[in-house]
Amino acid sequence: MTQLEANPFAIDPSDELPVGLQLGWRLRALIGTGELEAGERLPSVRRLAEWAGVNVGTVRAVYEALEEDGLVATRHGQGTFVADGVKAEPQLEEIAADALRRAGEAGLGPRDLAIVAMACASMPSEESETLEVRRELRRQIARLEAELASYTSHLKADLATAPRRAVAHVAGVEELEQTRDTLIAQLAAAQRESEQEVRRRAISRGPLGRAMGRWRAKR
């Protein structure tokens, strides 16, 4: 039996990752997969320092970081416990083990897998890019609707509009683009109608009309 199998808290001091980070990740993994259950007491600072092969200051710093993230709670005079509200995801261990197995079959080591996984996680996904496009379209639609509000009397009733949905739903990019384009067309039409009305008033207001306007202003 290897040291890692006998001691789930053991870390590798020769690894390029800081010992505190290794220990923190080890505890997070044990808590996240449910190996350390909610409400379970963690080893004392001195005991964990002995098992992990680090100094007590490192363990204290790790426990403090876990507590800040809501994963553990310290009870005065009793010790440190896994927080009651922590939800375990046991399938994470199975997913990780399967990924490691497939990486091993391809001749790749755990470090290779971890590096690429972290790099992929830091890149924007197609879903996040789509979400940002939808947010931007919603911002554009909100601005157009606000601008259209000042042209209410000039909106034509027969202007094409985006399809109405009777059931609440999350609008996709295509629907939001259609709504935005419709609003742009409505705004342009309303602006043209407003300009035409101004011109019509200017033309119809001859000498008598201008005189009456001045007279009414003086009354």
N, C-alpha and C. Protein backbone atom coordinates (compact mmCIF):
# COMPACT_ATOMS: atom_id res chain seq x y z
N MET A 1 0.85 -1.19 0.00
CA MET A 1 0.00 0.00 0.00
C MET A 1 0.89 1.24 0.00
N THR A 2 0.63 2.19 -0.91
CA THR A 2 1.44 3.38 -1.02
C THR A 2 1.05 4.38 0.05
N GLN A 3 1.90 5.39 0.21
CA GLN A 3 1.61 6.43 1.21
C GLN A 3 0.31 7.14 0.89
N LEU A 4 0.04 7.42 -0.42
CA LEU A 4 -1.16 8.13 -0.80
C LEU A 4 -2.41 7.33 -0.47
N GLU A 5 -2.33 5.98 -0.69
CA GLU A 5 -3.48 5.14 -0.40
C GLU A 5 -3.75 5.06 1.10
N ALA A 6 -2.67 5.03 1.90
CA ALA A 6 -2.82 4.93 3.34
C ALA A 6 -3.17 6.27 3.97
N ASN A 7 -2.75 7.36 3.34
CA ASN A 7 -2.93 8.69 3.92
C ASN A 7 -3.50 9.64 2.87
N PRO A 8 -4.80 9.89 2.93
CA PRO A 8 -5.41 10.75 1.91
C PRO A 8 -4.98 12.20 2.00
N PHE A 9 -4.26 12.58 3.04
CA PHE A 9 -3.84 13.97 3.20
C PHE A 9 -2.38 14.18 2.78
N ALA A 10 -1.70 13.10 2.40
CA ALA A 10 -0.28 13.21 2.06
C ALA A 10 -0.09 14.05 0.81
N ILE A 11 0.94 14.87 0.80
CA ILE A 11 1.26 15.70 -0.36
C ILE A 11 2.69 15.42 -0.78
N ASP A 12 3.05 15.94 -1.94
CA ASP A 12 4.39 15.74 -2.49
C ASP A 12 5.19 17.02 -2.34
N PRO A 13 6.15 17.06 -1.40
CA PRO A 13 6.92 18.29 -1.20
C PRO A 13 7.84 18.64 -2.37
N SER A 14 8.09 17.68 -3.25
CA SER A 14 8.95 17.95 -4.41
C SER A 14 8.18 18.49 -5.60
N ASP A 15 6.86 18.53 -5.48
CA ASP A 15 6.03 19.04 -6.58
C ASP A 15 6.23 20.54 -6.73
N GLU A 16 6.05 21.03 -7.97
CA GLU A 16 6.24 22.46 -8.21
C GLU A 16 5.11 23.29 -7.60
N LEU A 17 3.97 22.66 -7.30
CA LEU A 17 2.88 23.38 -6.66
C LEU A 17 3.19 23.59 -5.19
N PRO A 18 2.90 24.78 -4.62
CA PRO A 18 3.15 25.02 -3.20
C PRO A 18 2.42 23.99 -2.33
N VAL A 19 3.03 23.62 -1.22
CA VAL A 19 2.45 22.58 -0.36
C VAL A 19 1.08 23.00 0.17
N GLY A 20 0.91 24.30 0.46
CA GLY A 20 -0.38 24.78 0.94
C GLY A 20 -1.46 24.60 -0.11
N LEU A 21 -1.12 24.87 -1.37
CA LEU A 21 -2.09 24.71 -2.45
C LEU A 21 -2.44 23.24 -2.63
N GLN A 22 -1.43 22.37 -2.56
CA GLN A 22 -1.70 20.94 -2.68
C GLN A 22 -2.65 20.46 -1.59
N LEU A 23 -2.38 20.87 -0.35
CA LEU A 23 -3.21 20.43 0.76
C LEU A 23 -4.62 21.00 0.65
N GLY A 24 -4.72 22.25 0.23
CA GLY A 24 -6.04 22.86 0.06
C GLY A 24 -6.85 22.15 -0.99
N TRP A 25 -6.22 21.83 -2.11
CA TRP A 25 -6.93 21.11 -3.16
C TRP A 25 -7.34 19.72 -2.70
N ARG A 26 -6.44 19.06 -1.94
CA ARG A 26 -6.77 17.72 -1.46
C ARG A 26 -8.01 17.76 -0.57
N LEU A 27 -8.06 18.71 0.34
CA LEU A 27 -9.22 18.83 1.22
C LEU A 27 -10.48 19.21 0.45
N ARG A 28 -10.34 20.12 -0.51
CA ARG A 28 -11.50 20.51 -1.33
C ARG A 28 -12.05 19.31 -2.10
N ALA A 29 -11.15 18.48 -2.61
CA ALA A 29 -11.58 17.29 -3.35
C ALA A 29 -12.30 16.31 -2.43
N LEU A 30 -11.76 16.11 -1.22
CA LEU A 30 -12.39 15.19 -0.28
C LEU A 30 -13.76 15.69 0.16
N ILE A 31 -13.87 17.01 0.34
CA ILE A 31 -15.16 17.59 0.74
C ILE A 31 -16.13 17.59 -0.44
N GLY A 32 -15.63 17.97 -1.62
CA GLY A 32 -16.50 18.08 -2.79
C GLY A 32 -17.08 16.76 -3.25
N THR A 33 -16.35 15.67 -3.04
CA THR A 33 -16.84 14.36 -3.45
C THR A 33 -17.60 13.64 -2.33
N GLY A 34 -17.64 14.23 -1.15
CA GLY A 34 -18.38 13.62 -0.05
C GLY A 34 -17.56 12.63 0.76
N GLU A 35 -16.27 12.51 0.45
CA GLU A 35 -15.43 11.63 1.27
C GLU A 35 -15.31 12.18 2.68
N LEU A 36 -15.31 13.50 2.80
CA LEU A 36 -15.46 14.16 4.09
C LEU A 36 -16.87 14.74 4.10
N GLU A 37 -17.74 14.18 4.92
CA GLU A 37 -19.15 14.53 4.86
C GLU A 37 -19.46 15.79 5.65
N ALA A 38 -20.58 16.43 5.31
CA ALA A 38 -21.03 17.61 6.03
C ALA A 38 -21.19 17.29 7.51
N GLY A 39 -20.62 18.15 8.35
CA GLY A 39 -20.70 17.95 9.78
C GLY A 39 -19.57 17.11 10.35
N GLU A 40 -18.76 16.49 9.48
CA GLU A 40 -17.67 15.65 9.97
C GLU A 40 -16.51 16.50 10.47
N ARG A 41 -15.91 16.05 11.54
CA ARG A 41 -14.79 16.79 12.12
C ARG A 41 -13.51 16.50 11.33
N LEU A 42 -12.76 17.56 11.03
CA LEU A 42 -11.48 17.42 10.35
C LEU A 42 -10.38 17.19 11.38
N PRO A 43 -9.24 16.66 10.94
CA PRO A 43 -8.13 16.46 11.89
C PRO A 43 -7.72 17.79 12.51
N SER A 44 -7.15 17.72 13.70
CA SER A 44 -6.65 18.93 14.34
C SER A 44 -5.53 19.51 13.51
N VAL A 45 -5.20 20.75 13.76
CA VAL A 45 -4.15 21.41 12.99
C VAL A 45 -2.84 20.65 13.12
N ARG A 46 -2.48 20.25 14.32
CA ARG A 46 -1.21 19.55 14.53
C ARG A 46 -1.23 18.16 13.89
N ARG A 47 -2.34 17.46 14.04
CA ARG A 47 -2.43 16.12 13.47
C ARG A 47 -2.34 16.17 11.94
N LEU A 48 -3.07 17.11 11.33
CA LEU A 48 -3.04 17.21 9.87
C LEU A 48 -1.66 17.64 9.38
N ALA A 49 -1.00 18.52 10.13
CA ALA A 49 0.35 18.94 9.75
C ALA A 49 1.29 17.74 9.75
N GLU A 50 1.10 16.86 10.73
CA GLU A 50 1.93 15.65 10.81
C GLU A 50 1.64 14.71 9.65
N TRP A 51 0.36 14.49 9.38
CA TRP A 51 -0.01 13.57 8.30
C TRP A 51 0.40 14.09 6.93
N ALA A 52 0.25 15.43 6.72
CA ALA A 52 0.56 16.00 5.41
C ALA A 52 2.05 16.29 5.25
N GLY A 53 2.78 16.34 6.35
CA GLY A 53 4.20 16.63 6.28
C GLY A 53 4.49 18.10 6.06
N VAL A 54 3.63 18.97 6.65
CA VAL A 54 3.83 20.42 6.53
C VAL A 54 3.83 21.02 7.93
N ASN A 55 4.11 22.31 8.03
CA ASN A 55 4.09 22.95 9.35
C ASN A 55 2.66 23.37 9.71
N VAL A 56 2.44 23.62 10.98
CA VAL A 56 1.09 23.94 11.46
C VAL A 56 0.58 25.25 10.88
N GLY A 57 1.50 26.18 10.57
CA GLY A 57 1.08 27.44 9.97
C GLY A 57 0.43 27.24 8.62
N THR A 58 0.95 26.29 7.85
CA THR A 58 0.36 25.98 6.54
C THR A 58 -1.04 25.44 6.70
N VAL A 59 -1.23 24.55 7.66
CA VAL A 59 -2.56 23.97 7.88
C VAL A 59 -3.55 25.04 8.33
N ARG A 60 -3.11 25.91 9.24
CA ARG A 60 -4.00 26.98 9.70
C ARG A 60 -4.44 27.86 8.52
N ALA A 61 -3.51 28.19 7.64
CA ALA A 61 -3.83 29.03 6.48
C ALA A 61 -4.81 28.32 5.56
N VAL A 62 -4.63 27.01 5.39
CA VAL A 62 -5.54 26.24 4.53
C VAL A 62 -6.93 26.20 5.15
N TYR A 63 -7.03 25.94 6.45
CA TYR A 63 -8.33 25.90 7.12
C TYR A 63 -9.02 27.27 7.04
N GLU A 64 -8.26 28.34 7.20
CA GLU A 64 -8.85 29.68 7.12
C GLU A 64 -9.42 29.95 5.73
N ALA A 65 -8.68 29.54 4.69
CA ALA A 65 -9.16 29.73 3.32
C ALA A 65 -10.42 28.93 3.07
N LEU A 66 -10.46 27.70 3.57
CA LEU A 66 -11.66 26.87 3.39
C LEU A 66 -12.85 27.47 4.13
N GLU A 67 -12.59 28.05 5.29
CA GLU A 67 -13.68 28.67 6.07
C GLU A 67 -14.20 29.91 5.36
N GLU A 68 -13.30 30.68 4.77
CA GLU A 68 -13.73 31.87 4.03
C GLU A 68 -14.63 31.50 2.86
N ASP A 69 -14.39 30.33 2.28
CA ASP A 69 -15.20 29.87 1.15
C ASP A 69 -16.43 29.11 1.60
N GLY A 70 -16.66 29.01 2.90
CA GLY A 70 -17.86 28.36 3.42
C GLY A 70 -17.83 26.85 3.39
N LEU A 71 -16.64 26.25 3.23
CA LEU A 71 -16.55 24.80 3.16
C LEU A 71 -16.37 24.16 4.54
N VAL A 72 -15.79 24.88 5.47
CA VAL A 72 -15.63 24.36 6.82
C VAL A 72 -16.06 25.43 7.82
N ALA A 73 -16.25 24.99 9.05
CA ALA A 73 -16.62 25.91 10.13
C ALA A 73 -15.86 25.52 11.38
N THR A 74 -15.34 26.51 12.07
CA THR A 74 -14.60 26.27 13.30
C THR A 74 -15.51 26.48 14.50
N ARG A 75 -15.53 25.51 15.37
CA ARG A 75 -16.34 25.60 16.58
C ARG A 75 -15.38 25.73 17.76
N HIS A 76 -15.52 26.80 18.49
CA HIS A 76 -14.60 27.09 19.59
C HIS A 76 -14.53 25.94 20.59
N GLY A 77 -13.34 25.48 20.83
CA GLY A 77 -13.12 24.41 21.79
C GLY A 77 -13.44 23.03 21.28
N GLN A 78 -13.93 22.91 20.03
CA GLN A 78 -14.30 21.60 19.49
C GLN A 78 -13.47 21.21 18.27
N GLY A 79 -13.10 22.20 17.45
CA GLY A 79 -12.31 21.89 16.27
C GLY A 79 -12.92 22.45 15.00
N THR A 80 -12.47 21.93 13.87
CA THR A 80 -12.93 22.37 12.56
C THR A 80 -13.76 21.26 11.92
N PHE A 81 -14.93 21.65 11.38
CA PHE A 81 -15.87 20.67 10.82
C PHE A 81 -16.25 21.07 9.39
N VAL A 82 -16.59 20.07 8.60
CA VAL A 82 -17.12 20.36 7.28
C VAL A 82 -18.45 21.08 7.47
N ALA A 83 -18.64 22.19 6.75
CA ALA A 83 -19.84 23.01 6.93
C ALA A 83 -21.10 22.19 6.63
N ASP A 84 -22.16 22.47 7.38
CA ASP A 84 -23.41 21.72 7.24
C ASP A 84 -24.05 21.90 5.87
N GLY A 85 -23.89 23.09 5.27
CA GLY A 85 -24.59 23.35 4.02
C GLY A 85 -23.85 22.90 2.78
N VAL A 86 -22.70 22.26 2.93
CA VAL A 86 -21.92 21.84 1.77
C VAL A 86 -22.61 20.68 1.07
N LYS A 87 -22.77 20.81 -0.24
CA LYS A 87 -23.40 19.75 -1.03
C LYS A 87 -22.32 18.97 -1.77
N ALA A 88 -22.26 17.68 -1.51
CA ALA A 88 -21.25 16.83 -2.15
C ALA A 88 -21.71 16.37 -3.53
N GLU A 89 -20.76 16.18 -4.42
CA GLU A 89 -21.02 15.68 -5.77
C GLU A 89 -20.14 14.44 -5.99
N PRO A 90 -20.58 13.26 -5.53
CA PRO A 90 -19.76 12.05 -5.64
C PRO A 90 -19.34 11.71 -7.06
N GLN A 91 -20.15 12.11 -8.06
CA GLN A 91 -19.83 11.78 -9.44
C GLN A 91 -18.55 12.46 -9.92
N LEU A 92 -18.13 13.51 -9.21
CA LEU A 92 -16.90 14.19 -9.60
C LEU A 92 -15.71 13.24 -9.56
N GLU A 93 -15.67 12.36 -8.56
CA GLU A 93 -14.56 11.42 -8.45
C GLU A 93 -14.58 10.44 -9.61
N GLU A 94 -15.76 9.97 -9.98
CA GLU A 94 -15.88 9.04 -11.10
C GLU A 94 -15.47 9.71 -12.42
N ILE A 95 -15.90 10.97 -12.60
CA ILE A 95 -15.54 11.71 -13.81
C ILE A 95 -14.03 11.90 -13.90
N ALA A 96 -13.43 12.28 -12.75
CA ALA A 96 -11.99 12.50 -12.73
C ALA A 96 -11.23 11.21 -12.99
N ALA A 97 -11.69 10.11 -12.36
CA ALA A 97 -11.01 8.82 -12.54
C ALA A 97 -11.09 8.36 -13.99
N ASP A 98 -12.24 8.58 -14.62
CA ASP A 98 -12.40 8.20 -16.03
C ASP A 98 -11.48 9.03 -16.92
N ALA A 99 -11.39 10.34 -16.62
CA ALA A 99 -10.50 11.20 -17.42
C ALA A 99 -9.05 10.79 -17.26
N LEU A 100 -8.66 10.45 -16.04
CA LEU A 100 -7.28 10.00 -15.80
C LEU A 100 -7.00 8.69 -16.53
N ARG A 101 -7.97 7.78 -16.52
CA ARG A 101 -7.79 6.52 -17.21
C ARG A 101 -7.59 6.73 -18.71
N ARG A 102 -8.43 7.59 -19.30
CA ARG A 102 -8.32 7.84 -20.73
C ARG A 102 -7.02 8.55 -21.07
N ALA A 103 -6.59 9.45 -20.19
CA ALA A 103 -5.32 10.13 -20.41
C ALA A 103 -4.17 9.13 -20.34
N GLY A 104 -4.25 8.20 -19.38
CA GLY A 104 -3.20 7.18 -19.26
C GLY A 104 -3.13 6.29 -20.49
N GLU A 105 -4.29 5.94 -21.02
CA GLU A 105 -4.32 5.11 -22.23
C GLU A 105 -3.70 5.83 -23.41
N ALA A 106 -3.76 7.16 -23.39
CA ALA A 106 -3.17 7.96 -24.47
C ALA A 106 -1.70 8.30 -24.20
N GLY A 107 -1.18 7.78 -23.09
CA GLY A 107 0.22 8.03 -22.76
C GLY A 107 0.45 9.38 -22.11
N LEU A 108 -0.59 9.96 -21.54
CA LEU A 108 -0.48 11.27 -20.90
C LEU A 108 -0.57 11.13 -19.39
N GLY A 109 0.11 12.01 -18.69
CA GLY A 109 0.11 11.98 -17.24
C GLY A 109 -0.95 12.87 -16.63
N PRO A 110 -1.20 12.72 -15.32
CA PRO A 110 -2.20 13.54 -14.63
C PRO A 110 -1.92 15.04 -14.76
N ARG A 111 -0.63 15.42 -14.71
CA ARG A 111 -0.29 16.83 -14.81
C ARG A 111 -0.68 17.40 -16.18
N ASP A 112 -0.45 16.61 -17.24
CA ASP A 112 -0.85 17.06 -18.59
C ASP A 112 -2.36 17.31 -18.63
N LEU A 113 -3.11 16.38 -18.07
CA LEU A 113 -4.57 16.50 -18.06
C LEU A 113 -5.00 17.72 -17.27
N ALA A 114 -4.40 17.92 -16.09
CA ALA A 114 -4.78 19.04 -15.24
C ALA A 114 -4.49 20.38 -15.91
N ILE A 115 -3.31 20.47 -16.56
CA ILE A 115 -2.93 21.73 -17.21
C ILE A 115 -3.91 22.08 -18.33
N VAL A 116 -4.23 21.09 -19.16
CA VAL A 116 -5.14 21.36 -20.28
C VAL A 116 -6.55 21.64 -19.77
N ALA A 117 -6.99 20.91 -18.72
CA ALA A 117 -8.32 21.14 -18.16
C ALA A 117 -8.45 22.56 -17.62
N MET A 118 -7.43 23.03 -16.90
CA MET A 118 -7.46 24.39 -16.35
C MET A 118 -7.44 25.42 -17.47
N ALA A 119 -6.64 25.15 -18.53
CA ALA A 119 -6.58 26.09 -19.65
C ALA A 119 -7.92 26.18 -20.37
N CYS A 120 -8.56 25.02 -20.58
CA CYS A 120 -9.86 25.00 -21.25
C CYS A 120 -10.91 25.72 -20.40
N ALA A 121 -10.85 25.51 -19.08
CA ALA A 121 -11.84 26.12 -18.20
C ALA A 121 -11.72 27.64 -18.20
N SER A 122 -10.53 28.16 -18.46
CA SER A 122 -10.33 29.61 -18.43
C SER A 122 -10.72 30.28 -19.73
N MET A 123 -10.97 29.47 -20.77
CA MET A 123 -11.36 30.03 -22.06
C MET A 123 -12.87 30.19 -22.14
N PRO A 124 -13.35 31.26 -22.79
CA PRO A 124 -14.81 31.42 -22.93
C PRO A 124 -15.39 30.32 -23.79
N SER A 125 -16.45 29.70 -23.32
CA SER A 125 -17.10 28.64 -24.07
C SER A 125 -18.08 29.23 -25.08
N GLU A 126 -18.54 28.39 -25.98
CA GLU A 126 -19.53 28.84 -26.98
C GLU A 126 -20.80 29.31 -26.29
N GLU A 127 -21.16 28.64 -25.18
CA GLU A 127 -22.36 29.02 -24.44
C GLU A 127 -22.21 30.41 -23.84
N SER A 128 -21.01 30.69 -23.23
CA SER A 128 -20.80 31.99 -22.61
C SER A 128 -20.76 33.09 -23.66
N GLU A 129 -20.19 32.79 -24.85
CA GLU A 129 -20.16 33.78 -25.92
C GLU A 129 -21.58 34.09 -26.39
N THR A 130 -22.41 33.06 -26.52
CA THR A 130 -23.80 33.26 -26.92
C THR A 130 -24.54 34.08 -25.88
N LEU A 131 -24.27 33.82 -24.60
CA LEU A 131 -24.92 34.57 -23.53
C LEU A 131 -24.54 36.04 -23.60
N GLU A 132 -23.27 36.35 -23.89
CA GLU A 132 -22.84 37.74 -23.98
C GLU A 132 -23.49 38.42 -25.18
N VAL A 133 -23.64 37.69 -26.30
CA VAL A 133 -24.32 38.26 -27.48
C VAL A 133 -25.76 38.60 -27.13
N ARG A 134 -26.43 37.69 -26.42
CA ARG A 134 -27.81 37.95 -26.01
C ARG A 134 -27.91 39.14 -25.09
N ARG A 135 -26.96 39.29 -24.18
CA ARG A 135 -26.97 40.44 -23.27
C ARG A 135 -26.81 41.74 -24.04
N GLU A 136 -25.89 41.74 -25.01
CA GLU A 136 -25.67 42.95 -25.79
C GLU A 136 -26.91 43.29 -26.62
N LEU A 137 -27.56 42.27 -27.19
CA LEU A 137 -28.78 42.51 -27.95
C LEU A 137 -29.89 43.08 -27.05
N ARG A 138 -29.98 42.58 -25.84
CA ARG A 138 -30.98 43.10 -24.91
C ARG A 138 -30.69 44.56 -24.55
N ARG A 139 -29.41 44.89 -24.41
CA ARG A 139 -29.05 46.29 -24.13
C ARG A 139 -29.45 47.18 -25.30
N GLN A 140 -29.18 46.71 -26.52
CA GLN A 140 -29.56 47.48 -27.70
C GLN A 140 -31.08 47.65 -27.79
N ILE A 141 -31.81 46.59 -27.50
CA ILE A 141 -33.26 46.65 -27.55
C ILE A 141 -33.80 47.63 -26.51
N ALA A 142 -33.22 47.62 -25.31
CA ALA A 142 -33.66 48.54 -24.27
C ALA A 142 -33.44 49.99 -24.69
N ARG A 143 -32.28 50.28 -25.32
CA ARG A 143 -32.00 51.64 -25.77
C ARG A 143 -32.98 52.06 -26.86
N LEU A 144 -33.25 51.14 -27.78
CA LEU A 144 -34.18 51.47 -28.88
C LEU A 144 -35.59 51.70 -28.34
N GLU A 145 -36.02 50.88 -27.40
CA GLU A 145 -37.36 51.06 -26.83
C GLU A 145 -37.47 52.39 -26.11
N ALA A 146 -36.40 52.78 -25.40
CA ALA A 146 -36.42 54.07 -24.70
C ALA A 146 -36.51 55.22 -25.70
N GLU A 147 -35.78 55.10 -26.81
CA GLU A 147 -35.81 56.17 -27.81
C GLU A 147 -37.15 56.21 -28.52
N LEU A 148 -37.74 55.03 -28.77
CA LEU A 148 -39.04 54.97 -29.43
C LEU A 148 -40.14 55.59 -28.58
N ALA A 149 -39.97 55.59 -27.27
CA ALA A 149 -41.00 56.10 -26.38
C ALA A 149 -41.33 57.55 -26.67
N SER A 150 -40.36 58.31 -27.20
CA SER A 150 -40.60 59.72 -27.49
C SER A 150 -41.30 59.92 -28.84
N TYR A 151 -41.51 58.82 -29.58
CA TYR A 151 -42.16 58.92 -30.88
C TYR A 151 -43.48 58.15 -30.91
N THR A 152 -44.11 58.01 -29.76
CA THR A 152 -45.32 57.19 -29.67
C THR A 152 -46.39 57.63 -30.66
N SER A 153 -46.60 58.92 -30.80
CA SER A 153 -47.67 59.41 -31.69
C SER A 153 -47.33 59.24 -33.16
N HIS A 154 -46.08 58.92 -33.48
CA HIS A 154 -45.68 58.79 -34.88
C HIS A 154 -45.48 57.35 -35.31
N LEU A 155 -45.77 56.40 -34.43
CA LEU A 155 -45.62 55.00 -34.80
C LEU A 155 -46.79 54.55 -35.65
N LYS A 156 -46.52 53.90 -36.75
CA LYS A 156 -47.58 53.41 -37.62
C LYS A 156 -48.10 52.07 -37.10
N ALA A 157 -49.40 51.92 -37.15
CA ALA A 157 -50.01 50.70 -36.63
C ALA A 157 -49.70 49.49 -37.49
N ASP A 158 -49.41 49.70 -38.78
CA ASP A 158 -49.21 48.57 -39.68
C ASP A 158 -47.75 48.17 -39.83
N LEU A 159 -46.86 48.71 -38.98
CA LEU A 159 -45.46 48.33 -39.06
C LEU A 159 -45.29 46.88 -38.63
N ALA A 160 -44.41 46.16 -39.34
CA ALA A 160 -44.15 44.77 -38.97
C ALA A 160 -43.50 44.73 -37.60
N THR A 161 -43.88 43.74 -36.83
CA THR A 161 -43.31 43.61 -35.49
C THR A 161 -42.74 42.21 -35.33
N ALA A 162 -41.88 42.04 -34.35
CA ALA A 162 -41.34 40.72 -34.06
C ALA A 162 -42.46 39.83 -33.56
N PRO A 163 -42.41 38.53 -33.85
CA PRO A 163 -43.50 37.64 -33.43
C PRO A 163 -43.69 37.64 -31.93
N ARG A 164 -44.95 37.67 -31.52
CA ARG A 164 -45.28 37.66 -30.09
C ARG A 164 -45.35 36.21 -29.62
N ARG A 165 -44.90 35.97 -28.40
CA ARG A 165 -44.95 34.63 -27.83
C ARG A 165 -45.95 34.62 -26.67
N ALA A 166 -46.90 33.70 -26.72
CA ALA A 166 -47.91 33.64 -25.67
C ALA A 166 -47.35 32.97 -24.41
N VAL A 167 -46.34 32.13 -24.58
CA VAL A 167 -45.77 31.40 -23.45
C VAL A 167 -44.42 32.00 -23.11
N ALA A 168 -44.17 32.21 -21.82
CA ALA A 168 -42.89 32.77 -21.39
C ALA A 168 -41.75 31.85 -21.82
N HIS A 169 -40.67 32.42 -22.32
CA HIS A 169 -39.53 31.62 -22.79
C HIS A 169 -38.28 32.48 -22.77
N VAL A 170 -37.15 31.85 -22.93
CA VAL A 170 -35.88 32.56 -23.02
C VAL A 170 -35.59 32.82 -24.49
N ALA A 171 -35.54 34.09 -24.85
CA ALA A 171 -35.34 34.44 -26.25
C ALA A 171 -33.93 34.08 -26.70
N GLY A 172 -33.84 33.47 -27.88
CA GLY A 172 -32.54 33.13 -28.44
C GLY A 172 -31.95 34.30 -29.20
N VAL A 173 -30.73 34.10 -29.70
CA VAL A 173 -30.04 35.17 -30.42
C VAL A 173 -30.81 35.60 -31.66
N GLU A 174 -31.32 34.63 -32.42
CA GLU A 174 -32.04 34.97 -33.66
C GLU A 174 -33.29 35.80 -33.37
N GLU A 175 -34.03 35.43 -32.32
CA GLU A 175 -35.25 36.18 -31.99
C GLU A 175 -34.90 37.58 -31.50
N LEU A 176 -33.85 37.69 -30.69
CA LEU A 176 -33.44 39.01 -30.19
C LEU A 176 -32.96 39.90 -31.34
N GLU A 177 -32.25 39.30 -32.29
CA GLU A 177 -31.80 40.08 -33.46
C GLU A 177 -33.01 40.58 -34.25
N GLN A 178 -34.03 39.73 -34.38
CA GLN A 178 -35.23 40.12 -35.11
C GLN A 178 -35.96 41.26 -34.38
N THR A 179 -36.04 41.15 -33.06
CA THR A 179 -36.66 42.20 -32.27
C THR A 179 -35.90 43.51 -32.41
N ARG A 180 -34.59 43.44 -32.34
CA ARG A 180 -33.76 44.65 -32.49
C ARG A 180 -33.97 45.28 -33.86
N ASP A 181 -33.93 44.45 -34.92
CA ASP A 181 -34.09 44.98 -36.28
C ASP A 181 -35.46 45.60 -36.47
N THR A 182 -36.48 44.98 -35.85
CA THR A 182 -37.83 45.54 -35.94
C THR A 182 -37.89 46.90 -35.27
N LEU A 183 -37.27 47.01 -34.11
CA LEU A 183 -37.26 48.29 -33.39
C LEU A 183 -36.51 49.36 -34.19
N ILE A 184 -35.42 48.98 -34.82
CA ILE A 184 -34.67 49.93 -35.66
C ILE A 184 -35.56 50.44 -36.79
N ALA A 185 -36.31 49.51 -37.43
CA ALA A 185 -37.20 49.91 -38.52
C ALA A 185 -38.31 50.81 -38.00
N GLN A 186 -38.86 50.47 -36.83
CA GLN A 186 -39.92 51.29 -36.24
C GLN A 186 -39.40 52.69 -35.90
N LEU A 187 -38.21 52.75 -35.35
CA LEU A 187 -37.63 54.03 -34.97
C LEU A 187 -37.38 54.89 -36.21
N ALA A 188 -36.84 54.27 -37.25
CA ALA A 188 -36.57 55.02 -38.49
C ALA A 188 -37.88 55.55 -39.09
N ALA A 189 -38.92 54.70 -39.10
CA ALA A 189 -40.21 55.12 -39.65
C ALA A 189 -40.82 56.23 -38.81
N ALA A 190 -40.71 56.11 -37.49
CA ALA A 190 -41.26 57.13 -36.61
C ALA A 190 -40.54 58.46 -36.79
N GLN A 191 -39.22 58.41 -36.97
CA GLN A 191 -38.44 59.62 -37.17
C GLN A 191 -38.81 60.29 -38.49
N ARG A 192 -39.00 59.47 -39.54
CA ARG A 192 -39.42 60.04 -40.84
C ARG A 192 -40.78 60.69 -40.72
N GLU A 193 -41.71 60.03 -40.04
CA GLU A 193 -43.05 60.57 -39.88
C GLU A 193 -43.01 61.88 -39.10
N SER A 194 -42.16 61.93 -38.07
CA SER A 194 -42.04 63.16 -37.28
C SER A 194 -41.49 64.30 -38.12
N GLU A 195 -40.46 64.00 -38.93
CA GLU A 195 -39.88 65.03 -39.79
C GLU A 195 -40.89 65.52 -40.83
N GLN A 196 -41.67 64.59 -41.39
CA GLN A 196 -42.67 64.97 -42.39
C GLN A 196 -43.75 65.85 -41.76
N GLU A 197 -44.13 65.54 -40.53
CA GLU A 197 -45.14 66.34 -39.85
C GLU A 197 -44.65 67.76 -39.60
N VAL A 198 -43.38 67.87 -39.23
CA VAL A 198 -42.80 69.21 -39.02
C VAL A 198 -42.82 69.99 -40.31
N ARG A 199 -42.46 69.32 -41.43
CA ARG A 199 -42.47 70.02 -42.73
C ARG A 199 -43.88 70.42 -43.12
N ARG A 200 -44.87 69.54 -42.89
CA ARG A 200 -46.25 69.86 -43.24
C ARG A 200 -46.74 71.07 -42.46
N ARG A 201 -46.39 71.13 -41.21
CA ARG A 201 -46.81 72.27 -40.39
C ARG A 201 -46.16 73.56 -40.86
N ALA A 202 -44.90 73.46 -41.27
CA ALA A 202 -44.20 74.65 -41.75
C ALA A 202 -44.81 75.17 -43.04
N ILE A 203 -45.21 74.24 -43.93
CA ILE A 203 -45.80 74.63 -45.21
C ILE A 203 -47.18 75.23 -45.02
N SER A 204 -48.01 74.59 -44.16
CA SER A 204 -49.40 75.04 -44.00
C SER A 204 -49.51 76.33 -43.20
N ARG A 205 -48.47 76.70 -42.53
CA ARG A 205 -48.52 77.89 -41.68
C ARG A 205 -48.09 79.12 -42.49
N GLY A 206 -49.07 79.72 -43.23
CA GLY A 206 -48.81 80.90 -44.06
C GLY A 206 -48.83 82.17 -43.23
N PRO A 207 -48.94 83.35 -43.91
CA PRO A 207 -48.92 84.64 -43.21
C PRO A 207 -50.02 84.76 -42.17
N LEU A 208 -51.26 84.34 -42.52
CA LEU A 208 -52.35 84.44 -41.57
C LEU A 208 -52.11 83.55 -40.36
N GLY A 209 -51.64 82.33 -40.64
CA GLY A 209 -51.39 81.41 -39.53
C GLY A 209 -50.29 81.93 -38.62
N ARG A 210 -49.24 82.50 -39.23
CA ARG A 210 -48.16 83.03 -38.40
C ARG A 210 -48.64 84.22 -37.59
N ALA A 211 -49.49 85.05 -38.21
CA ALA A 211 -50.02 86.22 -37.50
C ALA A 211 -50.89 85.78 -36.34
N MET A 212 -51.74 84.79 -36.58
CA MET A 212 -52.60 84.29 -35.51
C MET A 212 -51.75 83.69 -34.37
N GLY A 213 -50.68 83.04 -34.76
CA GLY A 213 -49.82 82.46 -33.73
C GLY A 213 -49.21 83.54 -32.85
N ARG A 214 -48.78 84.65 -33.47
CA ARG A 214 -48.20 85.75 -32.70
C ARG A 214 -49.25 86.40 -31.83
N TRP A 215 -50.48 86.55 -32.40
CA TRP A 215 -51.57 87.19 -31.65
C TRP A 215 -51.94 86.37 -30.43
N ARG A 216 -52.04 85.02 -30.62
CA ARG A 216 -52.38 84.15 -29.49
C ARG A 216 -51.30 84.19 -28.42
N ALA A 217 -50.04 84.30 -28.87
CA ALA A 217 -48.94 84.35 -27.90
C ALA A 217 -49.00 85.60 -27.04
N LYS A 218 -49.57 86.72 -27.58
CA LYS A 218 -49.64 87.97 -26.85
C LYS A 218 -50.84 88.05 -25.93
N ARG A 219 -51.86 87.22 -26.17
CA ARG A 219 -53.10 87.33 -25.39
C ARG A 219 -52.88 86.91 -23.94
